[in-house]
Amino acid sequence: MKKNLPEHYTQLVKVNLRRLKQEKGWTTADMSRVTGISEGYLNSLLSLKVNKVPTIYMLAVICETAHVEIEYFFQE
Protein backbone atom coordinates (compact mmCIF):
# COMPACT_ATOMS: atom_id res chain seq x y z
CA MET A 1 0.00 0.00 0.00
CA LYS A 2 1.45 3.35 -1.06
CA LYS A 3 1.58 6.29 1.30
CA ASN A 4 -0.13 9.51 0.38
CA LEU A 5 3.16 11.40 -0.06
CA PRO A 6 1.89 14.98 0.25
CA GLU A 7 0.03 14.06 3.43
CA HIS A 8 3.01 12.05 4.69
CA TYR A 9 5.42 14.96 4.21
CA THR A 10 2.97 17.44 5.72
CA GLN A 11 2.75 15.35 8.87
CA LEU A 12 6.51 14.81 8.88
CA VAL A 13 7.18 18.56 8.69
CA LYS A 14 4.69 19.23 11.48
CA VAL A 15 6.21 16.59 13.75
CA ASN A 16 9.71 17.96 13.12
CA LEU A 17 8.50 21.52 13.69
CA ARG A 18 7.16 20.43 17.08
CA ARG A 19 10.47 18.66 17.77
CA LEU A 20 12.45 21.81 16.89
CA LYS A 21 10.27 23.87 19.21
CA GLN A 22 10.89 21.39 22.01
CA GLU A 23 14.66 21.13 21.36
CA LYS A 24 15.07 24.91 21.40
CA GLY A 25 12.93 25.21 24.53
CA TRP A 26 10.64 27.71 22.82
CA THR A 27 7.02 28.37 23.65
CA THR A 28 4.81 29.24 20.70
CA ALA A 29 5.03 32.90 21.75
CA ASP A 30 8.85 32.70 21.80
CA MET A 31 8.89 31.04 18.39
CA SER A 32 6.59 33.74 17.04
CA ARG A 33 8.76 36.51 18.42
CA VAL A 34 11.99 35.01 17.08
CA THR A 35 10.71 34.12 13.60
CA GLY A 36 8.31 37.02 13.07
CA ILE A 37 5.53 34.57 12.15
CA SER A 38 2.19 35.17 13.87
CA GLU A 39 1.40 33.01 16.87
CA GLY A 40 -1.97 31.98 15.43
CA TYR A 41 -0.36 30.78 12.20
CA LEU A 42 2.26 28.84 14.15
CA ASN A 43 -0.45 27.22 16.28
CA SER A 44 -2.25 26.05 13.16
CA LEU A 45 1.02 24.67 11.75
CA LEU A 46 1.85 22.87 14.99
CA SER A 47 -1.59 21.30 15.24
CA LEU A 48 -1.54 17.84 13.71
CA LYS A 49 -5.33 17.98 13.28
CA VAL A 50 -5.44 21.13 11.16
CA ASN A 51 -4.70 20.53 7.49
CA LYS A 52 -2.51 23.63 7.05
CA VAL A 53 0.74 23.11 5.17
CA PRO A 54 3.76 25.33 5.87
CA THR A 55 5.25 26.92 2.77
CA ILE A 56 8.89 26.51 1.86
CA TYR A 57 9.30 30.24 2.53
CA MET A 58 8.00 29.81 6.09
CA LEU A 59 10.26 26.81 6.64
CA ALA A 60 13.21 28.86 5.34
CA VAL A 61 12.44 31.67 7.80
CA ILE A 62 12.27 29.16 10.66
CA CYS A 63 15.49 27.46 9.50
CA GLU A 64 17.34 30.75 9.37
CA THR A 65 16.33 31.79 12.87
CA ALA A 66 16.81 28.32 14.38
CA HIS A 67 20.12 27.72 12.56
CA VAL A 68 19.06 24.40 11.04
CA GLU A 69 19.07 23.12 7.46
CA ILE A 70 15.80 22.66 5.53
CA GLU A 71 16.46 18.90 5.51
CA TYR A 72 15.79 18.94 9.26
CA PHE A 73 12.06 19.11 8.56
CA PHE A 74 12.05 16.07 6.25
CA GLN A 75 13.92 13.62 8.49
CA GLU A 76 11.96 10.52 9.36
PDB file of N, CA and C in Angstrom:
ATOM      1  N   MET A   1       0.841  -1.181   0.000  1.00  0.00           N
ATOM      2  CA  MET A   1       0.000   0.000   0.000  1.00  0.00           C
ATOM      3  C   MET A   1       0.885   1.244   0.000  1.00  0.00           C
ATOM      4  N   LYS A   2       0.650   2.130  -0.953  1.00  0.00           N
ATOM      5  CA  LYS A   2       1.447   3.346  -1.060  1.00  0.00           C
ATOM      6  C   LYS A   2       0.971   4.390  -0.070  1.00  0.00           C
ATOM      7  N   LYS A   3       1.920   5.169   0.417  1.00  0.00           N
ATOM      8  CA  LYS A   3       1.577   6.287   1.296  1.00  0.00           C
ATOM      9  C   LYS A   3       1.101   7.451   0.443  1.00  0.00           C
ATOM     10  N   ASN A   4       0.238   8.255   1.004  1.00  0.00           N
ATOM     11  CA  ASN A   4      -0.132   9.511   0.377  1.00  0.00           C
ATOM     12  C   ASN A   4       1.024  10.465   0.663  1.00  0.00           C
ATOM     13  N   LEU A   5       1.922  10.659  -0.315  1.00  0.00           N
ATOM     14  CA  LEU A   5       3.162  11.397  -0.060  1.00  0.00           C
ATOM     15  C   LEU A   5       2.952  12.835   0.386  1.00  0.00           C
ATOM     16  N   PRO A   6       2.074  13.611  -0.257  1.00  0.00           N
ATOM     17  CA  PRO A   6       1.891  14.980   0.248  1.00  0.00           C
ATOM     18  C   PRO A   6       1.444  15.001   1.706  1.00  0.00           C
ATOM     19  N   GLU A   7       0.513  14.129   2.045  1.00  0.00           N
ATOM     20  CA  GLU A   7       0.033  14.064   3.432  1.00  0.00           C
ATOM     21  C   GLU A   7       1.143  13.574   4.357  1.00  0.00           C
ATOM     22  N   HIS A   8       1.907  12.596   3.897  1.00  0.00           N
ATOM     23  CA  HIS A   8       3.013  12.049   4.689  1.00  0.00           C
ATOM     24  C   HIS A   8       4.038  13.143   5.007  1.00  0.00           C
ATOM     25  N   TYR A   9       4.436  13.909   3.986  1.00  0.00           N
ATOM     26  CA  TYR A   9       5.425  14.962   4.206  1.00  0.00           C
ATOM     27  C   TYR A   9       4.867  16.107   5.038  1.00  0.00           C
ATOM     28  N   THR A  10       3.597  16.406   4.890  1.00  0.00           N
ATOM     29  CA  THR A  10       2.973  17.442   5.716  1.00  0.00           C
ATOM     30  C   THR A  10       3.056  17.053   7.183  1.00  0.00           C
ATOM     31  N   GLN A  11       2.689  15.818   7.490  1.00  0.00           N
ATOM     32  CA  GLN A  11       2.745  15.349   8.872  1.00  0.00           C
ATOM     33  C   GLN A  11       4.184  15.299   9.375  1.00  0.00           C
ATOM     34  N   LEU A  12       5.101  14.884   8.511  1.00  0.00           N
ATOM     35  CA  LEU A  12       6.514  14.806   8.877  1.00  0.00           C
ATOM     36  C   LEU A  12       7.059  16.189   9.233  1.00  0.00           C
ATOM     37  N   VAL A  13       6.736  17.192   8.423  1.00  0.00           N
ATOM     38  CA  VAL A  13       7.182  18.563   8.685  1.00  0.00           C
ATOM     39  C   VAL A  13       6.605  19.052  10.004  1.00  0.00           C
ATOM     40  N   LYS A  14       5.327  18.767  10.250  1.00  0.00           N
ATOM     41  CA  LYS A  14       4.689  19.228  11.483  1.00  0.00           C
ATOM     42  C   LYS A  14       5.320  18.580  12.711  1.00  0.00           C
ATOM     43  N   VAL A  15       5.587  17.289  12.627  1.00  0.00           N
ATOM     44  CA  VAL A  15       6.215  16.586  13.752  1.00  0.00           C
ATOM     45  C   VAL A  15       7.606  17.163  14.013  1.00  0.00           C
ATOM     46  N   ASN A  16       8.362  17.411  12.952  1.00  0.00           N
ATOM     47  CA  ASN A  16       9.707  17.959  13.124  1.00  0.00           C
ATOM     48  C   ASN A  16       9.680  19.413  13.574  1.00  0.00           C
ATOM     49  N   LEU A  17       8.656  20.151  13.202  1.00  0.00           N
ATOM     50  CA  LEU A  17       8.496  21.521  13.690  1.00  0.00           C
ATOM     51  C   LEU A  17       8.241  21.513  15.193  1.00  0.00           C
ATOM     52  N   ARG A  18       7.415  20.577  15.639  1.00  0.00           N
ATOM     53  CA  ARG A  18       7.157  20.435  17.077  1.00  0.00           C
ATOM     54  C   ARG A  18       8.439  20.014  17.813  1.00  0.00           C
ATOM     55  N   ARG A  19       9.209  19.121  17.173  1.00  0.00           N
ATOM     56  CA  ARG A  19      10.471  18.657  17.769  1.00  0.00           C
ATOM     57  C   ARG A  19      11.462  19.814  17.892  1.00  0.00           C
ATOM     58  N   LEU A  20      11.556  20.646  16.856  1.00  0.00           N
ATOM     59  CA  LEU A  20      12.447  21.805  16.890  1.00  0.00           C
ATOM     60  C   LEU A  20      12.055  22.749  18.018  1.00  0.00           C
ATOM     61  N   LYS A  21      10.774  22.993  18.143  1.00  0.00           N
ATOM     62  CA  LYS A  21      10.269  23.875  19.208  1.00  0.00           C
ATOM     63  C   LYS A  21      10.677  23.331  20.577  1.00  0.00           C
ATOM     64  N   GLN A  22      10.543  22.023  20.741  1.00  0.00           N
ATOM     65  CA  GLN A  22      10.893  21.394  22.013  1.00  0.00           C
ATOM     66  C   GLN A  22      12.408  21.429  22.253  1.00  0.00           C
ATOM     67  N   GLU A  23      13.201  21.128  21.214  1.00  0.00           N
ATOM     68  CA  GLU A  23      14.662  21.128  21.360  1.00  0.00           C
ATOM     69  C   GLU A  23      15.203  22.508  21.720  1.00  0.00           C
ATOM     70  N   LYS A  24      14.616  23.547  21.141  1.00  0.00           N
ATOM     71  CA  LYS A  24      15.071  24.914  21.404  1.00  0.00           C
ATOM     72  C   LYS A  24      14.519  25.449  22.723  1.00  0.00           C
ATOM     73  N   GLY A  25      13.528  24.757  23.283  1.00  0.00           N
ATOM     74  CA  GLY A  25      12.927  25.211  24.534  1.00  0.00           C
ATOM     75  C   GLY A  25      12.037  26.427  24.344  1.00  0.00           C
ATOM     76  N   TRP A  26      11.492  26.570  23.138  1.00  0.00           N
ATOM     77  CA  TRP A  26      10.637  27.706  22.822  1.00  0.00           C
ATOM     78  C   TRP A  26       9.188  27.416  23.160  1.00  0.00           C
ATOM     79  N   THR A  27       8.482  28.432  23.623  1.00  0.00           N
ATOM     80  CA  THR A  27       7.023  28.375  23.647  1.00  0.00           C
ATOM     81  C   THR A  27       6.579  28.864  22.274  1.00  0.00           C
ATOM     82  N   THR A  28       5.302  28.743  21.984  1.00  0.00           N
ATOM     83  CA  THR A  28       4.808  29.241  20.701  1.00  0.00           C
ATOM     84  C   THR A  28       5.005  30.749  20.612  1.00  0.00           C
ATOM     85  N   ALA A  29       4.825  31.447  21.735  1.00  0.00           N
ATOM     86  CA  ALA A  29       5.033  32.898  21.752  1.00  0.00           C
ATOM     87  C   ALA A  29       6.497  33.242  21.471  1.00  0.00           C
ATOM     88  N   ASP A  30       7.424  32.479  22.058  1.00  0.00           N
ATOM     89  CA  ASP A  30       8.855  32.695  21.796  1.00  0.00           C
ATOM     90  C   ASP A  30       9.172  32.470  20.323  1.00  0.00           C
ATOM     91  N   MET A  31       8.646  31.384  19.791  1.00  0.00           N
ATOM     92  CA  MET A  31       8.887  31.043  18.394  1.00  0.00           C
ATOM     93  C   MET A  31       8.344  32.134  17.473  1.00  0.00           C
ATOM     94  N   SER A  32       7.196  32.662  17.814  1.00  0.00           N
ATOM     95  CA  SER A  32       6.591  33.738  17.038  1.00  0.00           C
ATOM     96  C   SER A  32       7.461  34.987  17.079  1.00  0.00           C
ATOM     97  N   ARG A  33       7.931  35.311  18.244  1.00  0.00           N
ATOM     98  CA  ARG A  33       8.760  36.507  18.424  1.00  0.00           C
ATOM     99  C   ARG A  33      10.078  36.386  17.655  1.00  0.00           C
ATOM    100  N   VAL A  34      10.698  35.224  17.719  1.00  0.00           N
ATOM    101  CA  VAL A  34      11.993  35.012  17.077  1.00  0.00           C
ATOM    102  C   VAL A  34      11.867  34.973  15.553  1.00  0.00           C
ATOM    103  N   THR A  35      10.840  34.297  15.046  1.00  0.00           N
ATOM    104  CA  THR A  35      10.707  34.118  13.600  1.00  0.00           C
ATOM    105  C   THR A  35       9.954  35.249  12.919  1.00  0.00           C
ATOM    106  N   GLY A  36       9.132  35.972  13.669  1.00  0.00           N
ATOM    107  CA  GLY A  36       8.312  37.016  13.069  1.00  0.00           C
ATOM    108  C   GLY A  36       7.042  36.477  12.438  1.00  0.00           C
ATOM    109  N   ILE A  37       6.740  35.210  12.675  1.00  0.00           N
ATOM    110  CA  ILE A  37       5.526  34.572  12.154  1.00  0.00           C
ATOM    111  C   ILE A  37       4.466  34.665  13.242  1.00  0.00           C
ATOM    112  N   SER A  38       3.235  34.972  12.861  1.00  0.00           N
ATOM    113  CA  SER A  38       2.194  35.171  13.870  1.00  0.00           C
ATOM    114  C   SER A  38       1.969  33.905  14.696  1.00  0.00           C
ATOM    115  N   GLU A  39       1.619  34.125  15.943  1.00  0.00           N
ATOM    116  CA  GLU A  39       1.401  33.012  16.874  1.00  0.00           C
ATOM    117  C   GLU A  39       0.236  32.134  16.423  1.00  0.00           C
ATOM    118  N   GLY A  40      -0.820  32.740  15.915  1.00  0.00           N
ATOM    119  CA  GLY A  40      -1.974  31.976  15.433  1.00  0.00           C
ATOM    120  C   GLY A  40      -1.612  31.069  14.271  1.00  0.00           C
ATOM    121  N   TYR A  41      -0.800  31.588  13.350  1.00  0.00           N
ATOM    122  CA  TYR A  41      -0.364  30.785  12.203  1.00  0.00           C
ATOM    123  C   TYR A  41       0.510  29.628  12.676  1.00  0.00           C
ATOM    124  N   LEU A  42       1.413  29.904  13.612  1.00  0.00           N
ATOM    125  CA  LEU A  42       2.264  28.841  14.149  1.00  0.00           C
ATOM    126  C   LEU A  42       1.432  27.774  14.852  1.00  0.00           C
ATOM    127  N   ASN A  43       0.419  28.193  15.611  1.00  0.00           N
ATOM    128  CA  ASN A  43      -0.449  27.222  16.284  1.00  0.00           C
ATOM    129  C   ASN A  43      -1.130  26.312  15.278  1.00  0.00           C
ATOM    130  N   SER A  44      -1.588  26.880  14.160  1.00  0.00           N
ATOM    131  CA  SER A  44      -2.251  26.045  13.159  1.00  0.00           C
ATOM    132  C   SER A  44      -1.251  25.115  12.475  1.00  0.00           C
ATOM    133  N   LEU A  45      -0.006  25.546  12.323  1.00  0.00           N
ATOM    134  CA  LEU A  45       1.018  24.667  11.749  1.00  0.00           C
ATOM    135  C   LEU A  45       1.388  23.542  12.711  1.00  0.00           C
ATOM    136  N   LEU A  46       1.447  23.869  13.989  1.00  0.00           N
ATOM    137  CA  LEU A  46       1.852  22.874  14.987  1.00  0.00           C
ATOM    138  C   LEU A  46       0.757  21.862  15.281  1.00  0.00           C
ATOM    139  N   SER A  47      -0.483  22.211  14.992  1.00  0.00           N
ATOM    140  CA  SER A  47      -1.595  21.301  15.240  1.00  0.00           C
ATOM    141  C   SER A  47      -1.598  20.197  14.193  1.00  0.00           C
ATOM    142  N   LEU A  48      -1.533  18.970  14.648  1.00  0.00           N
ATOM    143  CA  LEU A  48      -1.544  17.845  13.714  1.00  0.00           C
ATOM    144  C   LEU A  48      -2.933  17.606  13.137  1.00  0.00           C
ATOM    145  N   LYS A  49      -3.959  18.182  13.752  1.00  0.00           N
ATOM    146  CA  LYS A  49      -5.329  17.977  13.285  1.00  0.00           C
ATOM    147  C   LYS A  49      -5.710  18.935  12.165  1.00  0.00           C
ATOM    148  N   VAL A  50      -5.122  20.123  12.170  1.00  0.00           N
ATOM    149  CA  VAL A  50      -5.440  21.132  11.157  1.00  0.00           C
ATOM    150  C   VAL A  50      -4.659  20.809   9.893  1.00  0.00           C
ATOM    151  N   ASN A  51      -5.325  20.903   8.752  1.00  0.00           N
ATOM    152  CA  ASN A  51      -4.698  20.530   7.488  1.00  0.00           C
ATOM    153  C   ASN A  51      -4.015  21.726   6.830  1.00  0.00           C
ATOM    154  N   LYS A  52      -3.241  22.472   7.590  1.00  0.00           N
ATOM    155  CA  LYS A  52      -2.510  23.629   7.052  1.00  0.00           C
ATOM    156  C   LYS A  52      -1.077  23.200   6.779  1.00  0.00           C
ATOM    157  N   VAL A  53      -0.595  23.518   5.588  1.00  0.00           N
ATOM    158  CA  VAL A  53       0.739  23.109   5.171  1.00  0.00           C
ATOM    159  C   VAL A  53       1.672  24.320   5.201  1.00  0.00           C
ATOM    160  N   PRO A  54       2.815  24.209   5.877  1.00  0.00           N
ATOM    161  CA  PRO A  54       3.757  25.331   5.870  1.00  0.00           C
ATOM    162  C   PRO A  54       4.403  25.470   4.496  1.00  0.00           C
ATOM    163  N   THR A  55       4.598  26.694   4.055  1.00  0.00           N
ATOM    164  CA  THR A  55       5.252  26.923   2.768  1.00  0.00           C
ATOM    165  C   THR A  55       6.759  26.780   2.932  1.00  0.00           C
ATOM    166  N   ILE A  56       7.435  26.594   1.824  1.00  0.00           N
ATOM    167  CA  ILE A  56       8.892  26.507   1.859  1.00  0.00           C
ATOM    168  C   ILE A  56       9.473  27.821   2.383  1.00  0.00           C
ATOM    169  N   TYR A  57       8.846  28.940   2.026  1.00  0.00           N
ATOM    170  CA  TYR A  57       9.305  30.240   2.525  1.00  0.00           C
ATOM    171  C   TYR A  57       9.246  30.278   4.054  1.00  0.00           C
ATOM    172  N   MET A  58       8.133  29.814   4.632  1.00  0.00           N
ATOM    173  CA  MET A  58       8.001  29.813   6.095  1.00  0.00           C
ATOM    174  C   MET A  58       9.033  28.887   6.725  1.00  0.00           C
ATOM    175  N   LEU A  59       9.247  27.727   6.109  1.00  0.00           N
ATOM    176  CA  LEU A  59      10.265  26.814   6.635  1.00  0.00           C
ATOM    177  C   LEU A  59      11.649  27.453   6.558  1.00  0.00           C
ATOM    178  N   ALA A  60      11.914  28.192   5.485  1.00  0.00           N
ATOM    179  CA  ALA A  60      13.211  28.863   5.337  1.00  0.00           C
ATOM    180  C   ALA A  60      13.411  29.919   6.418  1.00  0.00           C
ATOM    181  N   VAL A  61      12.363  30.656   6.738  1.00  0.00           N
ATOM    182  CA  VAL A  61      12.439  31.665   7.803  1.00  0.00           C
ATOM    183  C   VAL A  61      12.745  30.988   9.136  1.00  0.00           C
ATOM    184  N   ILE A  62      12.053  29.895   9.407  1.00  0.00           N
ATOM    185  CA  ILE A  62      12.267  29.161  10.660  1.00  0.00           C
ATOM    186  C   ILE A  62      13.683  28.583  10.695  1.00  0.00           C
ATOM    187  N   CYS A  63      14.136  28.018   9.570  1.00  0.00           N
ATOM    188  CA  CYS A  63      15.491  27.456   9.498  1.00  0.00           C
ATOM    189  C   CYS A  63      16.549  28.511   9.784  1.00  0.00           C
ATOM    190  N   GLU A  64      16.364  29.673   9.200  1.00  0.00           N
ATOM    191  CA  GLU A  64      17.344  30.750   9.373  1.00  0.00           C
ATOM    192  C   GLU A  64      17.442  31.190  10.831  1.00  0.00           C
ATOM    193  N   THR A  65      16.300  31.328  11.482  1.00  0.00           N
ATOM    194  CA  THR A  65      16.325  31.790  12.871  1.00  0.00           C
ATOM    195  C   THR A  65      16.749  30.693  13.842  1.00  0.00           C
ATOM    196  N   ALA A  66      16.463  29.434  13.494  1.00  0.00           N
ATOM    197  CA  ALA A  66      16.811  28.321  14.381  1.00  0.00           C
ATOM    198  C   ALA A  66      18.186  27.735  14.066  1.00  0.00           C
ATOM    199  N   HIS A  67      18.800  28.203  12.979  1.00  0.00           N
ATOM    200  CA  HIS A  67      20.121  27.724  12.562  1.00  0.00           C
ATOM    201  C   HIS A  67      20.121  26.223  12.281  1.00  0.00           C
ATOM    202  N   VAL A  68      19.121  25.783  11.503  1.00  0.00           N
ATOM    203  CA  VAL A  68      19.064  24.396  11.043  1.00  0.00           C
ATOM    204  C   VAL A  68      18.908  24.406   9.526  1.00  0.00           C
ATOM    205  N   GLU A  69      19.227  23.278   8.903  1.00  0.00           N
ATOM    206  CA  GLU A  69      19.066  23.123   7.457  1.00  0.00           C
ATOM    207  C   GLU A  69      17.623  22.722   7.148  1.00  0.00           C
ATOM    208  N   ILE A  70      17.176  22.986   5.934  1.00  0.00           N
ATOM    209  CA  ILE A  70      15.802  22.665   5.533  1.00  0.00           C
ATOM    210  C   ILE A  70      15.550  21.154   5.626  1.00  0.00           C
ATOM    211  N   GLU A  71      16.596  20.357   5.440  1.00  0.00           N
ATOM    212  CA  GLU A  71      16.464  18.899   5.514  1.00  0.00           C
ATOM    213  C   GLU A  71      15.986  18.437   6.887  1.00  0.00           C
ATOM    214  N   TYR A  72      16.215  19.257   7.894  1.00  0.00           N
ATOM    215  CA  TYR A  72      15.785  18.941   9.261  1.00  0.00           C
ATOM    216  C   TYR A  72      14.302  18.578   9.297  1.00  0.00           C
ATOM    217  N   PHE A  73      13.500  19.296   8.514  1.00  0.00           N
ATOM    218  CA  PHE A  73      12.055  19.106   8.562  1.00  0.00           C
ATOM    219  C   PHE A  73      11.585  17.856   7.832  1.00  0.00           C
ATOM    220  N   PHE A  74      12.454  17.238   7.030  1.00  0.00           N
ATOM    221  CA  PHE A  74      12.047  16.074   6.252  1.00  0.00           C
ATOM    222  C   PHE A  74      12.705  14.786   6.736  1.00  0.00           C
ATOM    223  N   GLN A  75      13.319  14.828   7.920  1.00  0.00           N
ATOM    224  CA  GLN A  75      13.923  13.622   8.492  1.00  0.00           C
ATOM    225  C   GLN A  75      12.828  12.738   9.066  1.00  0.00           C
ATOM    226  N   GLU A  76      12.959  11.450   8.821  1.00  0.00           N
ATOM    227  CA  GLU A  76      11.962  10.517   9.361  1.00  0.00           C
ATOM    228  C   GLU A  76      12.413   9.973  10.686  1.00  0.00           C
TER     229      GLU A  76
END
